């Protein structure tokens, strides 16, 4: 009977509207379990939400088991920091609302059908209505209405390239605001706009494991609402008073593989992963301001032989007078920018796969400004000018005496006349009888690290 599944479905709809997503998930799962399997599969099948490219990638694989195995709905979750998967419960809440509206009078003056159901499931319920009066040529016609949706709705579904597996998908593919004309949109109640976090997720390969570390900070509001005088949106009761948090998460085959969180609107987090294919998400959430930031990307890690030298990504850290001996000691001082000329900062890296026998290592570090005008670039090619925009260091030292992570760092100071802009930092490590290892990153100069 319908009441065996319809009542928990309505309960899930109400709990989702109250932002009690974990409870809403439970209610919806009970409703789906009690419903006809084909109808339950139709409700949870997200194929209706995919654009042409997405549908082409999953053609012939629309069974609910495939979607769950691929972790589609888990990858669609806007923030892993928020308990429950509100994108999944939002999808089912829209299905419930479509059933409620079926057969009822609507402001469009149209008979409810599959077209209106699809529009509702893809774009969500209307946030308001605009009445349109008939023009002179529409004599005798009834007044119509135009539905207005949430102005901050974005495409939070996984990109089409991730449907066969997230590995290798770059951060820009996961930026909800960077997608043009998404096939389905959503605005989370806890953070209607999820802004991109500029800082990278750094990789530190250690043989058969991969350590990921990130310095995360809530990005400034760059939306068109910034500076407007109108009141801000009210914070839903479910999120009032919750403290801000940062987190780093790794999702594998639809399950959470690793997570690390810390309090505040900024902080450093790290996780360790075995070989595999992952969706990695670095997140910041400030509930009382309804703001969030996220950097998300796909990573595939196959592992390395224990005696194969590997070089990590480069870290930037405060020059606080300490000399960290390990990555873990350096994490609290991580930063994503370099300071103005005349201020010192620390560059660090980790080498793995050494220590099996004594050897001397040669290090070279270069910092130079990227881009600039034509005259500045010509001067650099001719060896003229630009002295305040380049630092080069080289030295030798004994390698590690035992296998394991070998962390090194050095303090750098750009000249006081160094111009603001983007600077490329490159570290090269040379070892006897082996190919040199090189790592580089680009960072913006002009902001103090402390």
Protein backbone atom coordinates (compact mmCIF):
# COMPACT_ATOMS: atom_id res chain seq x y z
CA UNK A 1 0.00 0.00 0.00
CA UNK A 2 1.06 3.56 -0.68
CA UNK A 3 0.92 4.57 2.98
CA UNK A 4 3.75 2.16 3.87
CA UNK A 5 6.22 4.27 1.88
CA UNK A 6 4.46 7.61 1.50
CA UNK A 7 4.46 8.46 5.21
CA UNK A 8 8.25 8.04 5.65
CA UNK A 9 8.73 9.88 2.35
CA UNK A 10 6.77 12.85 3.70
CA UNK A 11 8.75 12.65 6.91
CA UNK A 12 11.99 12.76 4.93
CA UNK A 13 10.68 15.78 3.01
CA UNK A 14 9.91 17.63 6.27
CA UNK A 15 13.23 16.69 7.92
CA UNK A 16 15.16 17.87 4.87
CA UNK A 17 13.34 21.22 4.99
CA UNK A 18 14.43 21.50 8.64
CA UNK A 19 18.07 20.81 7.57
CA UNK A 20 18.12 17.59 9.63
CA UNK A 21 19.83 15.72 6.83
CA UNK A 22 20.94 12.59 8.68
CA UNK A 23 17.39 11.92 9.89
CA UNK A 24 16.03 12.76 6.45
CA UNK A 25 18.34 10.16 4.90
CA UNK A 26 17.01 7.51 7.26
CA UNK A 27 13.38 8.37 6.50
CA UNK A 28 13.95 8.33 2.75
CA UNK A 29 15.76 4.98 2.91
CA UNK A 30 12.80 3.48 4.78
CA UNK A 31 10.45 4.87 2.14
CA UNK A 32 12.52 3.45 -0.72
CA UNK A 33 12.80 0.06 0.96
CA UNK A 34 9.01 -0.13 1.27
CA UNK A 35 8.33 1.01 -2.28
CA UNK A 36 8.14 -1.01 -5.50
CA UNK A 37 11.78 -1.62 -6.55
CA UNK A 38 11.29 -0.20 -10.04
CA UNK A 39 9.67 2.97 -8.70
CA UNK A 40 12.36 3.32 -6.03
CA UNK A 41 15.05 2.99 -8.70
CA UNK A 42 13.33 5.62 -10.85
CA UNK A 43 13.32 8.07 -7.95
CA UNK A 44 17.02 7.62 -7.17
CA UNK A 45 18.27 7.40 -10.76
CA UNK A 46 20.11 10.70 -11.36
CA UNK A 47 20.28 10.29 -15.15
CA UNK A 48 17.60 12.98 -15.45
CA UNK A 49 20.08 15.44 -13.92
CA UNK A 50 22.96 14.81 -16.32
CA UNK A 51 23.74 16.85 -19.37
CA UNK A 52 24.40 15.35 -22.79
CA UNK A 53 28.04 14.49 -22.00
CA UNK A 54 27.17 12.89 -18.69
CA UNK A 55 24.39 10.77 -20.18
CA UNK A 56 26.75 9.59 -22.93
CA UNK A 57 29.31 8.42 -20.38
CA UNK A 58 26.83 6.28 -18.44
CA UNK A 59 24.70 5.06 -21.36
CA UNK A 60 23.33 1.63 -20.55
CA UNK A 61 24.33 1.83 -16.87
CA UNK A 62 21.39 3.46 -15.13
CA UNK A 63 20.77 0.78 -12.51
CA UNK A 64 20.66 2.08 -8.96
CA UNK A 65 23.38 -0.40 -7.95
CA UNK A 66 25.79 1.16 -10.44
CA UNK A 67 25.17 4.68 -9.16
CA UNK A 68 25.76 3.55 -5.58
CA UNK A 69 28.87 1.57 -6.50
CA UNK A 70 30.30 4.54 -8.39
CA UNK A 71 29.60 6.80 -5.42
CA UNK A 72 27.71 9.32 -7.57
CA UNK A 73 25.60 10.77 -4.77
CA UNK A 74 28.52 10.78 -2.33
CA UNK A 75 30.59 12.78 -4.84
CA UNK A 76 27.64 15.18 -5.22
CA UNK A 77 27.61 16.03 -1.49
CA UNK A 78 28.57 19.75 -1.41
CA UNK A 79 30.39 19.60 1.96
CA UNK A 80 31.58 16.55 3.85
CA UNK A 81 31.91 18.83 6.89
CA UNK A 82 28.10 18.93 7.12
CA UNK A 83 26.61 15.69 8.53
CA UNK A 84 24.41 13.84 6.05
CA UNK A 85 24.21 14.05 2.27
CA UNK A 86 21.87 16.97 1.64
CA UNK A 87 22.23 16.75 -2.16
CA UNK A 88 20.73 13.25 -2.08
CA UNK A 89 17.94 14.23 0.30
CA UNK A 90 17.29 17.35 -1.80
CA UNK A 91 16.81 15.15 -4.87
CA UNK A 92 14.29 12.94 -3.06
CA UNK A 93 12.54 15.94 -1.49
CA UNK A 94 12.01 17.30 -5.00
CA UNK A 95 10.55 13.94 -6.06
CA UNK A 96 8.11 14.10 -3.16
CA UNK A 97 7.11 17.66 -4.02
CA UNK A 98 6.54 16.69 -7.65
CA UNK A 99 4.14 13.97 -6.51
CA UNK A 100 2.32 16.46 -4.24
CA UNK A 101 1.91 18.90 -7.12
CA UNK A 102 0.70 16.23 -9.54
CA UNK A 103 -3.02 16.87 -10.05
CA UNK A 104 -3.00 20.12 -8.05
CA UNK A 105 -3.55 23.63 -9.40
CA UNK A 106 -0.29 25.47 -10.08
CA UNK A 107 0.50 29.15 -10.80
CA UNK A 108 1.58 28.31 -14.33
CA UNK A 109 -1.98 27.42 -15.25
CA UNK A 110 -0.73 24.20 -16.85
CA UNK A 111 -1.65 20.60 -16.33
CA UNK A 112 1.08 18.83 -14.37
CA UNK A 113 3.08 16.39 -16.45
CA UNK A 114 6.50 14.84 -16.91
CA UNK A 115 7.92 18.11 -18.25
CA UNK A 116 7.10 20.04 -15.06
CA UNK A 117 8.34 17.12 -12.95
CA UNK A 118 11.68 17.15 -14.76
CA UNK A 119 12.02 20.93 -14.36
CA UNK A 120 11.30 20.64 -10.63
CA UNK A 121 13.73 17.75 -10.07
CA UNK A 122 16.49 19.48 -12.02
CA UNK A 123 16.15 23.08 -10.82
CA UNK A 124 14.31 22.77 -7.51
CA UNK A 125 11.17 24.45 -6.21
CA UNK A 126 10.47 28.08 -6.92
CA UNK A 127 11.66 30.56 -4.31
CA UNK A 128 9.10 33.14 -5.47
CA UNK A 129 6.65 34.06 -8.20
CA UNK A 130 6.31 36.95 -10.59
CA UNK A 131 2.89 37.72 -11.99
CA UNK A 132 2.75 38.52 -15.68
CA UNK A 133 -0.26 40.49 -16.87
CA UNK A 134 -1.57 39.83 -20.39
CA UNK A 135 -0.62 42.37 -23.03
CA UNK A 136 -3.01 44.15 -25.42
CA UNK A 137 -2.67 41.34 -27.93
CA UNK A 138 -3.61 38.73 -25.28
CA UNK A 139 -7.16 40.03 -24.73
CA UNK A 140 -9.16 37.54 -22.70
CA UNK A 141 -6.13 35.55 -21.55
CA UNK A 142 -5.75 34.80 -17.84
CA UNK A 143 -2.81 36.34 -15.97
CA UNK A 144 0.23 34.08 -16.00
CA UNK A 145 3.12 33.59 -13.60
CA UNK A 146 6.87 33.13 -13.83
CA UNK A 147 8.66 31.08 -11.17
CA UNK A 148 11.87 32.49 -9.71
CA UNK A 149 14.43 30.03 -8.38
CA UNK A 150 17.10 30.52 -5.73
CA UNK A 151 19.51 33.10 -7.21
CA UNK A 152 22.58 31.29 -5.83
CA UNK A 153 21.81 27.85 -7.26
CA UNK A 154 24.90 26.13 -8.67
CA UNK A 155 25.78 22.83 -10.31
CA UNK A 156 26.97 20.63 -7.43
CA UNK A 157 26.83 17.29 -9.25
CA UNK A 158 30.08 15.48 -10.17
CA UNK A 159 31.56 16.54 -13.52
CA UNK A 160 30.96 14.17 -16.41
CA UNK A 161 34.65 13.19 -16.46
CA UNK A 162 34.33 11.78 -12.93
CA UNK A 163 31.43 9.41 -13.65
CA UNK A 164 33.80 6.62 -14.72
CA UNK A 165 36.12 7.45 -11.80
CA UNK A 166 37.28 10.72 -10.22
CA UNK A 167 41.03 10.13 -10.60
CA UNK A 168 42.76 12.90 -12.52
CA UNK A 169 39.87 15.38 -12.51
CA UNK A 170 41.35 18.84 -11.77
CA UNK A 171 40.05 21.29 -9.13
CA UNK A 172 38.44 23.56 -11.74
CA UNK A 173 36.16 20.68 -12.83
CA UNK A 174 34.68 20.56 -9.31
CA UNK A 175 34.09 24.30 -8.91
CA UNK A 176 30.27 24.73 -8.80
CA UNK A 177 30.51 28.37 -9.85
CA UNK A 178 32.72 27.54 -12.82
CA UNK A 179 30.17 25.49 -14.76
CA UNK A 180 28.22 27.12 -17.55
CA UNK A 181 24.54 26.19 -17.92
CA UNK A 182 24.52 23.18 -15.57
CA UNK A 183 21.79 20.61 -16.20
CA UNK A 184 20.74 20.64 -12.52
CA UNK A 185 21.33 23.17 -9.73
CA UNK A 186 21.13 23.42 -5.96
CA UNK A 187 21.82 26.03 -3.25
CA UNK A 188 22.73 24.50 0.16
CA UNK A 189 20.89 26.15 3.04
CA UNK A 190 24.06 26.17 5.16
CA UNK A 191 26.17 27.95 2.50
CA UNK A 192 24.27 29.07 -0.63
CA UNK A 193 27.58 29.90 -2.31
CA UNK A 194 30.53 27.50 -1.98
CA UNK A 195 33.58 29.52 -3.01
CA UNK A 196 36.85 28.03 -4.32
CA UNK A 197 39.72 27.81 -1.83
CA UNK A 198 42.90 28.97 -3.58
CA UNK A 199 45.38 26.86 -1.62
CA UNK A 200 46.51 23.54 -3.17
CA UNK A 201 46.35 20.10 -1.57
CA UNK A 202 50.01 19.09 -1.30
CA UNK A 203 51.21 15.54 -2.00
CA UNK A 204 53.95 13.69 -0.10
CA UNK A 205 54.52 10.19 -1.54
CA UNK A 206 56.04 7.73 0.93
CA UNK A 207 56.43 4.48 -0.97
CA UNK A 208 53.18 2.56 -0.46
CA UNK A 209 51.34 5.51 1.13
CA UNK A 210 50.51 9.08 0.16
CA UNK A 211 50.28 11.89 2.69
CA UNK A 212 48.11 14.84 1.71
CA UNK A 213 48.36 18.16 3.55
CA UNK A 214 46.67 21.51 3.07
CA UNK A 215 46.45 24.93 4.61
CA UNK A 216 42.80 25.95 4.30
CA UNK A 217 41.28 29.38 4.90
CA UNK A 218 37.77 30.73 4.40
CA UNK A 219 37.91 32.76 1.18
CA UNK A 220 36.56 36.31 1.11
CA UNK A 221 33.08 36.88 -0.25
CA UNK A 222 33.53 37.54 -3.96
CA UNK A 223 29.86 37.29 -4.96
CA UNK A 224 27.86 40.20 -6.30
CA UNK A 225 26.20 40.49 -2.86
CA UNK A 226 29.42 41.83 -1.36
CA UNK A 227 28.94 45.40 -0.25
CA UNK A 228 25.18 45.40 -0.75
CA UNK A 229 23.14 47.06 1.95
CA UNK A 230 20.36 44.48 2.10
CA UNK A 231 20.12 42.16 5.11
CA UNK A 232 21.97 38.86 4.94
CA UNK A 233 20.06 35.60 4.70
CA UNK A 234 18.91 34.26 8.07
CA UNK A 235 20.91 31.36 9.49
CA UNK A 236 18.67 28.27 9.72
CA UNK A 237 18.08 27.14 13.34
CA UNK A 238 19.86 23.84 12.70
CA UNK A 239 23.16 25.69 12.11
CA UNK A 240 22.99 28.59 14.56
CA UNK A 241 25.87 28.74 17.01
CA UNK A 242 27.88 25.95 15.35
CA UNK A 243 31.63 26.68 15.35
CA UNK A 244 33.54 27.07 12.08
CA UNK A 245 35.68 24.15 10.96
CA UNK A 246 38.17 23.10 8.33
CA UNK A 247 38.55 19.56 7.02
CA UNK A 248 40.38 17.37 4.54
CA UNK A 249 38.54 14.29 3.24
CA UNK A 250 39.22 11.43 0.82
CA UNK A 251 36.37 9.46 -0.77
CA UNK A 252 36.98 6.07 -2.40
CA UNK A 253 34.27 4.09 -4.24
CA UNK A 254 31.55 6.02 -2.44
CA UNK A 255 32.98 5.53 1.07
CA UNK A 256 34.96 7.91 3.26
CA UNK A 257 38.53 6.62 3.33
CA UNK A 258 40.22 9.28 5.50
CA UNK A 259 39.39 12.56 7.21
CA UNK A 260 41.04 15.20 9.37
CA UNK A 261 39.29 18.27 10.81
CA UNK A 262 40.29 21.27 12.90
CA UNK A 263 38.38 24.18 14.49
CA UNK A 264 38.38 27.71 13.09
CA UNK A 265 38.08 29.46 9.73
CA UNK A 266 41.68 28.55 8.89
CA UNK A 267 43.97 25.69 9.75
CA UNK A 268 46.27 22.93 8.54
CA UNK A 269 45.07 19.35 8.05
CA UNK A 270 46.61 16.11 6.77
CA UNK A 271 45.56 12.57 5.85
CA UNK A 272 47.41 9.41 4.72
CA UNK A 273 46.13 7.12 1.95
CA UNK A 274 47.07 3.71 0.54
CA UNK A 275 47.22 3.23 -3.25
CA UNK A 276 43.89 3.82 -4.97
CA UNK A 277 41.63 6.29 -6.76
CA UNK A 278 40.18 9.07 -4.62
CA UNK A 279 38.09 12.19 -4.60
CA UNK A 280 39.87 14.58 -2.23
CA UNK A 281 38.06 17.56 -0.73
CA UNK A 282 39.54 20.37 1.36
CA UNK A 283 36.76 22.37 3.03
CA UNK A 284 36.10 25.38 5.26
CA UNK A 285 32.68 26.17 6.71
CA UNK A 286 31.55 29.13 8.82
CA UNK A 287 27.90 28.32 9.73
CA UNK A 288 27.02 31.68 11.33
CA UNK A 289 27.98 33.56 8.16
CA UNK A 290 26.51 30.99 5.71
CA UNK A 291 29.85 30.87 3.91
CA UNK A 292 31.99 27.96 2.81
CA UNK A 293 35.06 27.30 0.72
CA UNK A 294 36.16 24.13 -1.03
CA UNK A 295 38.96 22.73 -3.16
CA UNK A 296 38.14 19.32 -4.63
CA UNK A 297 40.07 17.13 -7.07
CA UNK A 298 40.53 13.54 -8.17
CA UNK A 299 43.76 11.73 -7.29
CA UNK A 300 45.08 8.36 -8.42
CA UNK A 301 48.00 6.97 -6.41
CA UNK A 302 49.66 3.73 -7.51
CA UNK A 303 52.49 3.64 -4.95
CA UNK A 304 56.28 3.48 -5.42
CA UNK A 305 58.97 0.90 -4.64
CA UNK A 306 60.49 1.63 -1.21
CA UNK A 307 63.95 2.32 -2.70
CA UNK A 308 62.77 4.62 -5.51
CA UNK A 309 63.54 8.26 -4.63
CA UNK A 310 60.51 10.57 -4.84
CA UNK A 311 60.20 14.29 -4.19
CA UNK A 312 57.10 15.83 -2.62
CA UNK A 313 55.30 19.04 -3.44
CA UNK A 314 56.83 22.20 -1.96
CA UNK A 315 55.45 23.77 1.18
CA UNK A 316 55.52 27.42 2.18
CA UNK A 317 55.67 28.24 5.88
CA UNK A 318 56.31 31.04 8.30
CA UNK A 319 59.92 31.77 9.17
CA UNK A 320 59.31 31.64 12.90
CA UNK A 321 62.87 30.85 13.99
CA UNK A 322 62.33 27.11 14.28
CA UNK A 323 63.84 24.42 12.06
CA UNK A 324 61.19 21.70 11.67
CA UNK A 325 62.63 18.21 11.34
CA UNK A 326 59.49 16.60 9.93
CA UNK A 327 56.51 17.54 7.80
CA UNK A 328 54.26 17.12 10.82
CA UNK A 329 56.27 19.74 12.74
CA UNK A 330 56.00 22.16 9.81
CA UNK A 331 52.24 21.79 9.26
CA UNK A 332 51.05 24.40 11.81
CA UNK A 333 53.07 27.10 10.01
CA UNK A 334 51.85 26.27 6.47
CA UNK A 335 50.86 29.24 4.31
CA UNK A 336 49.74 29.72 0.69
CA UNK A 337 51.45 33.03 -0.10
CA UNK A 338 54.91 34.53 0.27
CA UNK A 339 55.56 37.80 2.11
CA UNK A 340 56.67 41.12 0.72
CA UNK A 341 60.28 41.71 -0.16
CA UNK A 342 62.52 41.90 2.89
CA UNK A 343 60.46 39.40 4.91
CA UNK A 344 61.71 35.85 5.33
CA UNK A 345 59.70 32.68 4.67
CA UNK A 346 60.45 28.96 4.71
CA UNK A 347 60.39 26.55 1.77
CA UNK A 348 60.19 22.86 2.65
CA UNK A 349 60.03 19.49 0.88
CA UNK A 350 60.30 15.80 1.60
CA UNK A 351 62.39 13.13 -0.14
CA UNK A 352 61.49 9.46 0.23
CA UNK A 353 63.30 6.34 -0.96
CA UNK A 354 66.77 7.22 0.32
CA UNK A 355 68.81 6.00 3.30
CA UNK A 356 69.66 2.52 2.04
CA UNK A 357 73.32 3.50 1.74
CA UNK A 358 75.35 6.68 2.48
CA UNK A 359 75.22 9.33 -0.23
CA UNK A 360 75.70 13.05 -0.67
CA UNK A 361 72.77 15.13 -1.93
CA UNK A 362 73.00 18.34 -3.94
CA UNK A 363 70.19 20.86 -3.55
CA UNK A 364 69.34 23.84 -5.75
CA UNK A 365 66.56 26.31 -4.94
CA UNK A 366 65.37 29.04 -7.28
CA UNK A 367 62.75 31.75 -6.70
CA UNK A 368 61.92 34.09 -9.57
CA UNK A 369 59.05 36.29 -10.64
CA UNK A 370 56.69 35.00 -13.33
CA UNK A 371 55.46 37.17 -16.20
CA UNK A 372 55.85 40.92 -16.27
CA UNK A 373 56.20 43.38 -19.11
CA UNK A 374 58.12 42.91 -22.35
CA UNK A 375 61.02 45.12 -21.28
CA UNK A 376 61.41 43.19 -18.01
CA UNK A 377 61.41 39.83 -19.85
CA UNK A 378 63.97 41.07 -22.40
CA UNK A 379 66.14 42.35 -19.58
CA UNK A 380 66.03 38.94 -17.94
CA UNK A 381 67.06 37.20 -21.16
CA UNK A 382 70.00 39.58 -21.57
CA UNK A 383 70.99 39.31 -17.93
CA UNK A 384 70.06 42.92 -17.27
CA UNK A 385 67.83 44.09 -14.45
CA UNK A 386 65.40 41.97 -12.49
CA UNK A 387 67.98 41.29 -9.76
CA UNK A 388 65.41 42.02 -7.08
CA UNK A 389 63.08 39.39 -8.50
CA UNK A 390 65.31 36.29 -8.33
CA UNK A 391 66.98 34.26 -5.56
CA UNK A 392 69.19 31.22 -6.19
CA UNK A 393 70.71 28.91 -3.59
CA UNK A 394 72.78 25.73 -3.93
CA UNK A 395 74.41 23.47 -1.34
CA UNK A 396 75.46 19.93 -0.49
CA UNK A 397 74.76 17.79 2.54
CA UNK A 398 74.77 14.19 3.64
CA UNK A 399 71.65 12.16 2.88
CA UNK A 400 69.57 10.32 5.47
CA UNK A 401 71.18 7.45 7.39
CA UNK A 402 68.06 5.26 7.41
CA UNK A 403 65.10 4.73 5.06
CA UNK A 404 62.00 6.85 5.62
CA UNK A 405 60.70 10.37 5.00
CA UNK A 406 63.57 12.88 4.79
CA UNK A 407 62.23 16.41 5.39
CA UNK A 408 64.34 19.44 4.56
CA UNK A 409 63.63 23.16 4.53
CA UNK A 410 65.41 26.46 4.26
CA UNK A 411 64.54 30.10 4.87
CA UNK A 412 64.38 32.48 1.92
CA UNK A 413 64.28 36.27 1.76
CA UNK A 414 63.46 38.21 -1.38
CA UNK A 415 65.17 41.61 -1.73
CA UNK A 416 63.27 44.62 -0.44
CA UNK A 417 62.83 45.94 -4.00
CA UNK A 418 61.13 42.76 -5.26
CA UNK A 419 57.93 43.64 -7.10
CA UNK A 420 54.59 42.10 -6.09
CA UNK A 421 53.24 39.39 -8.34
CA UNK A 422 53.46 35.65 -8.91
CA UNK A 423 56.73 33.89 -8.10
CA UNK A 424 57.81 30.40 -9.16
CA UNK A 425 59.69 28.35 -6.59
CA UNK A 426 61.73 25.38 -7.85
CA UNK A 427 63.75 22.82 -5.87
CA UNK A 428 66.07 20.30 -7.57
CA UNK A 429 67.67 17.36 -5.76
CA UNK A 430 70.62 15.52 -7.34
CA UNK A 431 71.93 12.14 -6.16
CA UNK A 432 74.89 10.07 -7.39
CA UNK A 433 73.91 7.70 -10.19
CA UNK A 434 70.23 8.76 -10.26
CA UNK A 435 68.09 11.11 -12.27
CA UNK A 436 67.58 14.49 -10.56
CA UNK A 437 64.25 15.19 -8.88
CA UNK A 438 62.47 18.53 -9.39
CA UNK A 439 59.42 20.10 -7.77
CA UNK A 440 57.98 23.58 -8.28
CA UNK A 441 54.98 25.69 -7.39
CA UNK A 442 53.77 29.22 -7.99
CA UNK A 443 52.72 31.56 -5.17
CA UNK A 444 51.63 35.16 -5.00
CA UNK A 445 53.84 37.65 -3.21
CA UNK A 446 52.64 40.65 -1.31
CA UNK A 447 50.95 39.33 1.83
CA UNK A 448 52.64 38.87 5.17
CA UNK A 449 52.62 35.28 6.35
CA UNK A 450 51.97 36.06 10.01
